[in-house]
């Protein structure tokens, strides 16, 4: 299995924090967000490579970061060669770019570089291995006023995804799907097909929304928290909460 960490966005909503530093390298409790992701990936068996896809603006930031990174799994920085919001490839475009460039022909775990999570990635991985199908992870969200900012899912009693809508105006549930996916090897060619059909290349949830209508996708309900850090307010809240939790231990 391979891993891709998506970190090619420009995070304009977080300006000025991300004018000269990528969002994934913003610190939480004195450690970059992406370090927590890499640490979790290192708990998984059979992962033989981690690819961090970024852009031309931030490739040096990630190259410098990788020099001091401690990881038993090799980490490779991939530059998608985009330079700004206008010519970016989008998350799904970046996934396909890495698959083609690195000739990936394996099961794949994909994680957004701005996701800070406290659940066990190993438990999620074990679930996916047991199911033997493509998987996403989700959590029931308490704040109904924010549901239209996420991908919202409906699942059946077995956990199979039966409905998914990215940022719906009228959410059908409070089950939020996060940008953390496990795809089987045979699914990877469908990413290219999705893009060739002219579908939206941006948020990775759009591919999942397309995929579940073609084949079975299962949802793992996380036991923990996941934070999508997209604004200064959300970043500040996570910083405060995590520091407080750490200090209380």
C-alpha atoms as a PDB file:
ATOM      1  CA  UNK A   1       0.000   0.000   0.000  1.00  0.00           C
ATOM      2  CA  UNK A   2       1.046   3.574  -0.731  1.00  0.00           C
ATOM      3  CA  UNK A   3       0.004   6.812   0.982  1.00  0.00           C
ATOM      4  CA  UNK A   4      -0.619  10.243  -0.512  1.00  0.00           C
ATOM      5  CA  UNK A   5      -0.843  13.362   1.641  1.00  0.00           C
ATOM      6  CA  UNK A   6      -2.574  16.200  -0.184  1.00  0.00           C
ATOM      7  CA  UNK A   7      -0.758  19.478   0.449  1.00  0.00           C
ATOM      8  CA  UNK A   8      -0.882  21.400  -2.844  1.00  0.00           C
ATOM      9  CA  UNK A   9      -3.438  24.009  -1.877  1.00  0.00           C
ATOM     10  CA  UNK A  10      -2.668  27.678  -1.334  1.00  0.00           C
ATOM     11  CA  UNK A  11      -4.846  28.133   1.794  1.00  0.00           C
ATOM     12  CA  UNK A  12      -5.872  31.683   0.950  1.00  0.00           C
ATOM     13  CA  UNK A  13      -8.585  31.623   3.636  1.00  0.00           C
ATOM     14  CA  UNK A  14      -5.820  31.361   6.238  1.00  0.00           C
ATOM     15  CA  UNK A  15      -3.894  34.451   5.095  1.00  0.00           C
ATOM     16  CA  UNK A  16      -1.674  35.916   6.456  1.00  0.00           C
ATOM     17  CA  UNK A  17      -0.677  32.689   8.270  1.00  0.00           C
ATOM     18  CA  UNK A  18      -0.127  30.847   5.001  1.00  0.00           C
ATOM     19  CA  UNK A  19       1.339  33.577   2.832  1.00  0.00           C
ATOM     20  CA  UNK A  20       4.786  32.012   3.081  1.00  0.00           C
ATOM     21  CA  UNK A  21       4.081  28.712   4.812  1.00  0.00           C
ATOM     22  CA  UNK A  22       1.828  25.840   3.682  1.00  0.00           C
ATOM     23  CA  UNK A  23      -1.139  24.968   5.842  1.00  0.00           C
ATOM     24  CA  UNK A  24       0.122  21.432   6.541  1.00  0.00           C
ATOM     25  CA  UNK A  25       3.227  22.905   8.197  1.00  0.00           C
ATOM     26  CA  UNK A  26       1.321  25.114  10.613  1.00  0.00           C
ATOM     27  CA  UNK A  27       2.122  23.957  14.155  1.00  0.00           C
ATOM     28  CA  UNK A  28      -0.215  22.465  16.718  1.00  0.00           C
ATOM     29  CA  UNK A  29       1.395  22.130  20.117  1.00  0.00           C
ATOM     30  CA  UNK A  30       4.767  23.012  18.557  1.00  0.00           C
ATOM     31  CA  UNK A  31       4.563  20.284  15.886  1.00  0.00           C
ATOM     32  CA  UNK A  32       3.461  20.651  12.237  1.00  0.00           C
ATOM     33  CA  UNK A  33       0.026  19.249  11.398  1.00  0.00           C
ATOM     34  CA  UNK A  34       1.542  16.931   8.803  1.00  0.00           C
ATOM     35  CA  UNK A  35       3.832  15.324  11.386  1.00  0.00           C
ATOM     36  CA  UNK A  36       0.810  13.941  13.202  1.00  0.00           C
ATOM     37  CA  UNK A  37      -0.399  12.426   9.931  1.00  0.00           C
ATOM     38  CA  UNK A  38       2.965  10.835   9.156  1.00  0.00           C
ATOM     39  CA  UNK A  39       3.157   9.430  12.686  1.00  0.00           C
ATOM     40  CA  UNK A  40      -0.237   7.782  12.227  1.00  0.00           C
ATOM     41  CA  UNK A  41       0.764   6.373   8.836  1.00  0.00           C
ATOM     42  CA  UNK A  42       3.838   4.869  10.495  1.00  0.00           C
ATOM     43  CA  UNK A  43       1.542   2.720  12.663  1.00  0.00           C
ATOM     44  CA  UNK A  44       0.219   0.911   9.580  1.00  0.00           C
ATOM     45  CA  UNK A  45       1.710  -2.323   8.252  1.00  0.00           C
ATOM     46  CA  UNK A  46       2.545  -2.767   4.573  1.00  0.00           C
ATOM     47  CA  UNK A  47       2.900   0.924   3.739  1.00  0.00           C
ATOM     48  CA  UNK A  48       6.070   1.231   1.715  1.00  0.00           C
ATOM     49  CA  UNK A  49       5.951   4.868   0.549  1.00  0.00           C
ATOM     50  CA  UNK A  50       4.415   8.197   1.555  1.00  0.00           C
ATOM     51  CA  UNK A  51       4.039  10.833  -1.151  1.00  0.00           C
ATOM     52  CA  UNK A  52       3.450  14.453  -0.153  1.00  0.00           C
ATOM     53  CA  UNK A  53       2.107  16.353  -3.148  1.00  0.00           C
ATOM     54  CA  UNK A  54       2.604  20.102  -3.012  1.00  0.00           C
ATOM     55  CA  UNK A  55       3.049  22.996  -5.432  1.00  0.00           C
ATOM     56  CA  UNK A  56       5.914  25.049  -6.798  1.00  0.00           C
ATOM     57  CA  UNK A  57       5.374  27.810  -4.252  1.00  0.00           C
ATOM     58  CA  UNK A  58       5.776  25.533  -1.236  1.00  0.00           C
ATOM     59  CA  UNK A  59       7.975  22.700  -2.483  1.00  0.00           C
ATOM     60  CA  UNK A  60      11.069  24.100  -0.751  1.00  0.00           C
ATOM     61  CA  UNK A  61       9.181  24.385   2.545  1.00  0.00           C
ATOM     62  CA  UNK A  62       8.323  20.694   2.389  1.00  0.00           C
ATOM     63  CA  UNK A  63      11.776  19.659   1.163  1.00  0.00           C
ATOM     64  CA  UNK A  64      13.353  21.444   4.136  1.00  0.00           C
ATOM     65  CA  UNK A  65      10.780  19.873   6.477  1.00  0.00           C
ATOM     66  CA  UNK A  66      11.454  16.368   5.180  1.00  0.00           C
ATOM     67  CA  UNK A  67      15.175  16.594   5.983  1.00  0.00           C
ATOM     68  CA  UNK A  68      14.554  16.476   9.736  1.00  0.00           C
ATOM     69  CA  UNK A  69      11.471  14.259   9.627  1.00  0.00           C
ATOM     70  CA  UNK A  70      11.618  11.016  11.572  1.00  0.00           C
ATOM     71  CA  UNK A  71       9.747   8.299   9.695  1.00  0.00           C
ATOM     72  CA  UNK A  72      10.438   4.605   9.219  1.00  0.00           C
ATOM     73  CA  UNK A  73       8.543   4.825   5.926  1.00  0.00           C
ATOM     74  CA  UNK A  74      10.234   6.776   3.099  1.00  0.00           C
ATOM     75  CA  UNK A  75       8.618  10.152   2.388  1.00  0.00           C
ATOM     76  CA  UNK A  76       8.895  11.724  -1.056  1.00  0.00           C
ATOM     77  CA  UNK A  77       7.941  15.312  -1.897  1.00  0.00           C
ATOM     78  CA  UNK A  78       6.164  15.720  -5.242  1.00  0.00           C
ATOM     79  CA  UNK A  79       5.911  19.131  -6.935  1.00  0.00           C
ATOM     80  CA  UNK A  80       2.787  19.398  -9.095  1.00  0.00           C
ATOM     81  CA  UNK A  81       4.389  22.497 -10.739  1.00  0.00           C
ATOM     82  CA  UNK A  82       1.392  24.767 -10.157  1.00  0.00           C
ATOM     83  CA  UNK A  83       2.034  28.282  -8.923  1.00  0.00           C
ATOM     84  CA  UNK A  84      -1.264  29.829  -7.801  1.00  0.00           C
ATOM     85  CA  UNK A  85      -4.991  29.372  -7.266  1.00  0.00           C
ATOM     86  CA  UNK A  86      -5.702  29.907 -10.965  1.00  0.00           C
ATOM     87  CA  UNK A  87      -3.627  27.022 -12.323  1.00  0.00           C
ATOM     88  CA  UNK A  88      -3.845  24.516  -9.468  1.00  0.00           C
ATOM     89  CA  UNK A  89      -4.812  20.959 -10.373  1.00  0.00           C
ATOM     90  CA  UNK A  90      -7.295  20.417  -7.542  1.00  0.00           C
ATOM     91  CA  UNK A  91      -7.078  17.576  -5.035  1.00  0.00           C
ATOM     92  CA  UNK A  92      -8.351  14.876  -7.399  1.00  0.00           C
ATOM     93  CA  UNK A  93      -6.111  16.175 -10.162  1.00  0.00           C
ATOM     94  CA  UNK A  94      -3.155  15.956  -7.787  1.00  0.00           C
ATOM     95  CA  UNK A  95      -4.012  12.384  -6.824  1.00  0.00           C
ATOM     96  CA  UNK A  96      -4.021  11.364 -10.486  1.00  0.00           C
ATOM     97  CA  UNK A  97      -0.799  13.319 -11.071  1.00  0.00           C
ATOM     98  CA  UNK A  98       1.001  11.347  -8.343  1.00  0.00           C
ATOM     99  CA  UNK A  99      -0.452   8.007  -9.507  1.00  0.00           C
ATOM    100  CA  UNK A 100       0.831   8.607 -13.044  1.00  0.00           C
ATOM    101  CA  UNK A 101       4.168  10.129 -12.100  1.00  0.00           C
ATOM    102  CA  UNK A 102       5.056   7.443  -9.554  1.00  0.00           C
ATOM    103  CA  UNK A 103       3.371   4.621 -11.511  1.00  0.00           C
ATOM    104  CA  UNK A 104       1.324   3.589  -8.477  1.00  0.00           C
ATOM    105  CA  UNK A 105      -0.352   0.226  -8.931  1.00  0.00           C
ATOM    106  CA  UNK A 106      -1.275  -0.621  -5.369  1.00  0.00           C
ATOM    107  CA  UNK A 107      -3.883  -0.025  -2.684  1.00  0.00           C
ATOM    108  CA  UNK A 108      -3.803   3.613  -1.671  1.00  0.00           C
ATOM    109  CA  UNK A 109      -4.586   5.674   1.416  1.00  0.00           C
ATOM    110  CA  UNK A 110      -5.198   9.369   0.764  1.00  0.00           C
ATOM    111  CA  UNK A 111      -5.234  11.982   3.534  1.00  0.00           C
ATOM    112  CA  UNK A 112      -5.682  15.749   3.328  1.00  0.00           C
ATOM    113  CA  UNK A 113      -2.663  17.507   4.764  1.00  0.00           C
ATOM    114  CA  UNK A 114      -4.831  19.937   6.737  1.00  0.00           C
ATOM    115  CA  UNK A 115      -6.686  17.245   8.694  1.00  0.00           C
ATOM    116  CA  UNK A 116      -5.723  16.996  12.342  1.00  0.00           C
ATOM    117  CA  UNK A 117      -7.256  13.880  13.862  1.00  0.00           C
ATOM    118  CA  UNK A 118      -7.151  11.982  17.133  1.00  0.00           C
ATOM    119  CA  UNK A 119      -8.669   8.666  16.050  1.00  0.00           C
ATOM    120  CA  UNK A 120      -6.532   5.597  15.372  1.00  0.00           C
ATOM    121  CA  UNK A 121      -5.595   5.313  11.707  1.00  0.00           C
ATOM    122  CA  UNK A 122      -4.656   1.683  12.405  1.00  0.00           C
ATOM    123  CA  UNK A 123      -8.228   0.865  13.512  1.00  0.00           C
ATOM    124  CA  UNK A 124      -9.550   2.455  10.307  1.00  0.00           C
ATOM    125  CA  UNK A 125      -6.995   0.521   8.244  1.00  0.00           C
ATOM    126  CA  UNK A 126      -7.956  -2.756   9.958  1.00  0.00           C
ATOM    127  CA  UNK A 127     -11.606  -2.066   9.149  1.00  0.00           C
ATOM    128  CA  UNK A 128     -10.785  -1.487   5.481  1.00  0.00           C
ATOM    129  CA  UNK A 129      -8.694  -4.656   5.266  1.00  0.00           C
ATOM    130  CA  UNK A 130     -11.487  -6.705   6.845  1.00  0.00           C
ATOM    131  CA  UNK A 131     -14.160  -5.245   4.530  1.00  0.00           C
ATOM    132  CA  UNK A 132     -11.937  -5.565   1.458  1.00  0.00           C
ATOM    133  CA  UNK A 133     -13.619  -2.595  -0.220  1.00  0.00           C
ATOM    134  CA  UNK A 134     -12.986   1.099  -0.753  1.00  0.00           C
ATOM    135  CA  UNK A 135     -13.521   2.972   2.510  1.00  0.00           C
ATOM    136  CA  UNK A 136     -14.036   6.449   3.885  1.00  0.00           C
ATOM    137  CA  UNK A 137     -14.162   7.611   7.490  1.00  0.00           C
ATOM    138  CA  UNK A 138     -16.865   9.711   9.095  1.00  0.00           C
ATOM    139  CA  UNK A 139     -18.244  11.039  12.361  1.00  0.00           C
ATOM    140  CA  UNK A 140     -21.647  12.260  13.481  1.00  0.00           C
ATOM    141  CA  UNK A 141     -21.411  16.038  13.849  1.00  0.00           C
ATOM    142  CA  UNK A 142     -23.244  17.891  16.614  1.00  0.00           C
ATOM    143  CA  UNK A 143     -23.349  21.376  15.112  1.00  0.00           C
ATOM    144  CA  UNK A 144     -26.094  21.218  12.470  1.00  0.00           C
ATOM    145  CA  UNK A 145     -25.394  24.801  11.403  1.00  0.00           C
ATOM    146  CA  UNK A 146     -22.016  23.732   9.962  1.00  0.00           C
ATOM    147  CA  UNK A 147     -23.095  20.611   8.072  1.00  0.00           C
ATOM    148  CA  UNK A 148     -23.257  22.451   4.747  1.00  0.00           C
ATOM    149  CA  UNK A 149     -19.484  22.910   4.928  1.00  0.00           C
ATOM    150  CA  UNK A 150     -18.766  19.160   4.703  1.00  0.00           C
ATOM    151  CA  UNK A 151     -19.481  16.047   2.682  1.00  0.00           C
ATOM    152  CA  UNK A 152     -22.581  14.446   4.233  1.00  0.00           C
ATOM    153  CA  UNK A 153     -23.280  10.708   4.016  1.00  0.00           C
ATOM    154  CA  UNK A 154     -26.055   8.213   4.478  1.00  0.00           C
ATOM    155  CA  UNK A 155     -25.128   4.595   5.175  1.00  0.00           C
ATOM    156  CA  UNK A 156     -27.099   1.364   5.519  1.00  0.00           C
ATOM    157  CA  UNK A 157     -27.001  -1.024   8.480  1.00  0.00           C
ATOM    158  CA  UNK A 158     -23.854  -2.706   7.138  1.00  0.00           C
ATOM    159  CA  UNK A 159     -21.979   0.587   6.828  1.00  0.00           C
ATOM    160  CA  UNK A 160     -22.245   0.752   3.033  1.00  0.00           C
ATOM    161  CA  UNK A 161     -22.443   4.240   1.611  1.00  0.00           C
ATOM    162  CA  UNK A 162     -25.844   4.836   0.000  1.00  0.00           C
ATOM    163  CA  UNK A 163     -25.814   8.618  -0.384  1.00  0.00           C
ATOM    164  CA  UNK A 164     -23.158  11.325  -0.345  1.00  0.00           C
ATOM    165  CA  UNK A 165     -23.390  15.014  -1.074  1.00  0.00           C
ATOM    166  CA  UNK A 166     -20.550  17.506  -0.935  1.00  0.00           C
ATOM    167  CA  UNK A 167     -21.483  20.681   0.983  1.00  0.00           C
ATOM    168  CA  UNK A 168     -25.273  20.243   0.673  1.00  0.00           C
ATOM    169  CA  UNK A 169     -27.716  23.098   1.210  1.00  0.00           C
ATOM    170  CA  UNK A 170     -30.132  20.673   2.889  1.00  0.00           C
ATOM    171  CA  UNK A 171     -28.117  17.913   4.627  1.00  0.00           C
ATOM    172  CA  UNK A 172     -29.837  14.520   4.817  1.00  0.00           C
ATOM    173  CA  UNK A 173     -27.933  13.473   7.953  1.00  0.00           C
ATOM    174  CA  UNK A 174     -25.276  14.677  10.375  1.00  0.00           C
ATOM    175  CA  UNK A 175     -22.684  12.093   9.280  1.00  0.00           C
ATOM    176  CA  UNK A 176     -19.645  14.057   8.114  1.00  0.00           C
ATOM    177  CA  UNK A 177     -17.133  12.350   5.809  1.00  0.00           C
ATOM    178  CA  UNK A 178     -13.544  13.543   6.150  1.00  0.00           C
ATOM    179  CA  UNK A 179     -10.808  13.677   3.511  1.00  0.00           C
ATOM    180  CA  UNK A 180      -9.250  10.367   4.517  1.00  0.00           C
ATOM    181  CA  UNK A 181      -9.828   7.535   2.046  1.00  0.00           C
ATOM    182  CA  UNK A 182      -8.614   4.011   1.427  1.00  0.00           C
ATOM    183  CA  UNK A 183      -8.959   2.851  -2.173  1.00  0.00           C
ATOM    184  CA  UNK A 184      -8.315  -0.589  -3.568  1.00  0.00           C
ATOM    185  CA  UNK A 185      -5.793  -1.017  -6.353  1.00  0.00           C
ATOM    186  CA  UNK A 186      -8.520  -1.767  -8.895  1.00  0.00           C
ATOM    187  CA  UNK A 187     -10.227   1.541  -8.119  1.00  0.00           C
ATOM    188  CA  UNK A 188      -7.296   3.737  -9.141  1.00  0.00           C
ATOM    189  CA  UNK A 189      -8.060   3.707 -12.907  1.00  0.00           C
ATOM    190  CA  UNK A 190     -11.484   5.136 -12.085  1.00  0.00           C
ATOM    191  CA  UNK A 191      -9.850   8.349 -10.833  1.00  0.00           C
ATOM    192  CA  UNK A 192      -8.543   8.961 -14.346  1.00  0.00           C
ATOM    193  CA  UNK A 193     -11.944   8.085 -15.817  1.00  0.00           C
ATOM    194  CA  UNK A 194     -13.629  10.526 -13.422  1.00  0.00           C
ATOM    195  CA  UNK A 195     -11.354  13.337 -14.606  1.00  0.00           C
ATOM    196  CA  UNK A 196     -11.655  12.414 -18.281  1.00  0.00           C
ATOM    197  CA  UNK A 197     -15.428  12.753 -17.997  1.00  0.00           C
ATOM    198  CA  UNK A 198     -14.895  16.405 -17.065  1.00  0.00           C
ATOM    199  CA  UNK A 199     -15.942  16.108 -13.442  1.00  0.00           C
ATOM    200  CA  UNK A 200     -14.854  18.585 -10.759  1.00  0.00           C
ATOM    201  CA  UNK A 201     -11.133  18.026  -9.978  1.00  0.00           C
ATOM    202  CA  UNK A 202     -11.173  19.905  -6.696  1.00  0.00           C
ATOM    203  CA  UNK A 203     -12.470  18.519  -3.369  1.00  0.00           C
ATOM    204  CA  UNK A 204     -11.707  14.788  -3.070  1.00  0.00           C
ATOM    205  CA  UNK A 205     -15.224  14.165  -1.772  1.00  0.00           C
ATOM    206  CA  UNK A 206     -16.557  14.753  -5.288  1.00  0.00           C
ATOM    207  CA  UNK A 207     -14.792  11.605  -6.525  1.00  0.00           C
ATOM    208  CA  UNK A 208     -16.270   9.583  -3.672  1.00  0.00           C
ATOM    209  CA  UNK A 209     -19.699  11.037  -4.510  1.00  0.00           C
ATOM    210  CA  UNK A 210     -19.231   9.714  -8.062  1.00  0.00           C
ATOM    211  CA  UNK A 211     -17.623   6.416  -7.046  1.00  0.00           C
ATOM    212  CA  UNK A 212     -20.225   4.997  -4.644  1.00  0.00           C
ATOM    213  CA  UNK A 213     -22.786   4.980  -7.454  1.00  0.00           C
ATOM    214  CA  UNK A 214     -20.557   2.620  -9.441  1.00  0.00           C
ATOM    215  CA  UNK A 215     -19.267   0.234  -6.763  1.00  0.00           C
ATOM    216  CA  UNK A 216     -19.513  -0.491  -3.048  1.00  0.00           C
ATOM    217  CA  UNK A 217     -17.872   1.957  -0.655  1.00  0.00           C
ATOM    218  CA  UNK A 218     -17.989   1.471   3.117  1.00  0.00           C
ATOM    219  CA  UNK A 219     -17.818   4.026   5.896  1.00  0.00           C
ATOM    220  CA  UNK A 220     -15.843   3.631   9.117  1.00  0.00           C
ATOM    221  CA  UNK A 221     -17.196   5.671  12.031  1.00  0.00           C
ATOM    222  CA  UNK A 222     -14.208   7.096  13.819  1.00  0.00           C
ATOM    223  CA  UNK A 223     -13.705   6.885  17.565  1.00  0.00           C
ATOM    224  CA  UNK A 224     -12.092  10.235  18.123  1.00  0.00           C
ATOM    225  CA  UNK A 225     -12.066  13.630  16.479  1.00  0.00           C
ATOM    226  CA  UNK A 226     -11.064  15.078  13.136  1.00  0.00           C
ATOM    227  CA  UNK A 227     -10.605  18.758  12.449  1.00  0.00           C
ATOM    228  CA  UNK A 228     -10.615  20.283   8.983  1.00  0.00           C
ATOM    229  CA  UNK A 229      -8.420  23.340   9.447  1.00  0.00           C
ATOM    230  CA  UNK A 230      -9.529  25.894   6.879  1.00  0.00           C
ATOM    231  CA  UNK A 231      -9.837  29.267   8.608  1.00  0.00           C
ATOM    232  CA  UNK A 232      -7.886  31.232  11.230  1.00  0.00           C
ATOM    233  CA  UNK A 233     -10.755  30.633  13.664  1.00  0.00           C
ATOM    234  CA  UNK A 234     -10.739  26.835  13.208  1.00  0.00           C
ATOM    235  CA  UNK A 235      -6.946  26.771  13.508  1.00  0.00           C
ATOM    236  CA  UNK A 236      -7.045  28.818  16.701  1.00  0.00           C
ATOM    237  CA  UNK A 237      -9.733  26.569  18.193  1.00  0.00           C
ATOM    238  CA  UNK A 238      -7.736  23.407  17.494  1.00  0.00           C
ATOM    239  CA  UNK A 239      -4.580  24.949  18.913  1.00  0.00           C
ATOM    240  CA  UNK A 240      -6.361  25.916  22.136  1.00  0.00           C
ATOM    241  CA  UNK A 241      -8.158  22.599  22.531  1.00  0.00           C
ATOM    242  CA  UNK A 242      -5.147  20.414  21.852  1.00  0.00           C
ATOM    243  CA  UNK A 243      -2.840  22.426  24.086  1.00  0.00           C
ATOM    244  CA  UNK A 244      -5.444  22.314  26.857  1.00  0.00           C
ATOM    245  CA  UNK A 245      -5.914  18.571  26.476  1.00  0.00           C
ATOM    246  CA  UNK A 246      -2.160  18.021  26.502  1.00  0.00           C
ATOM    247  CA  UNK A 247      -1.699  20.140  29.619  1.00  0.00           C
ATOM    248  CA  UNK A 248      -4.448  18.267  31.447  1.00  0.00           C
ATOM    249  CA  UNK A 249      -2.876  14.872  30.887  1.00  0.00           C
END
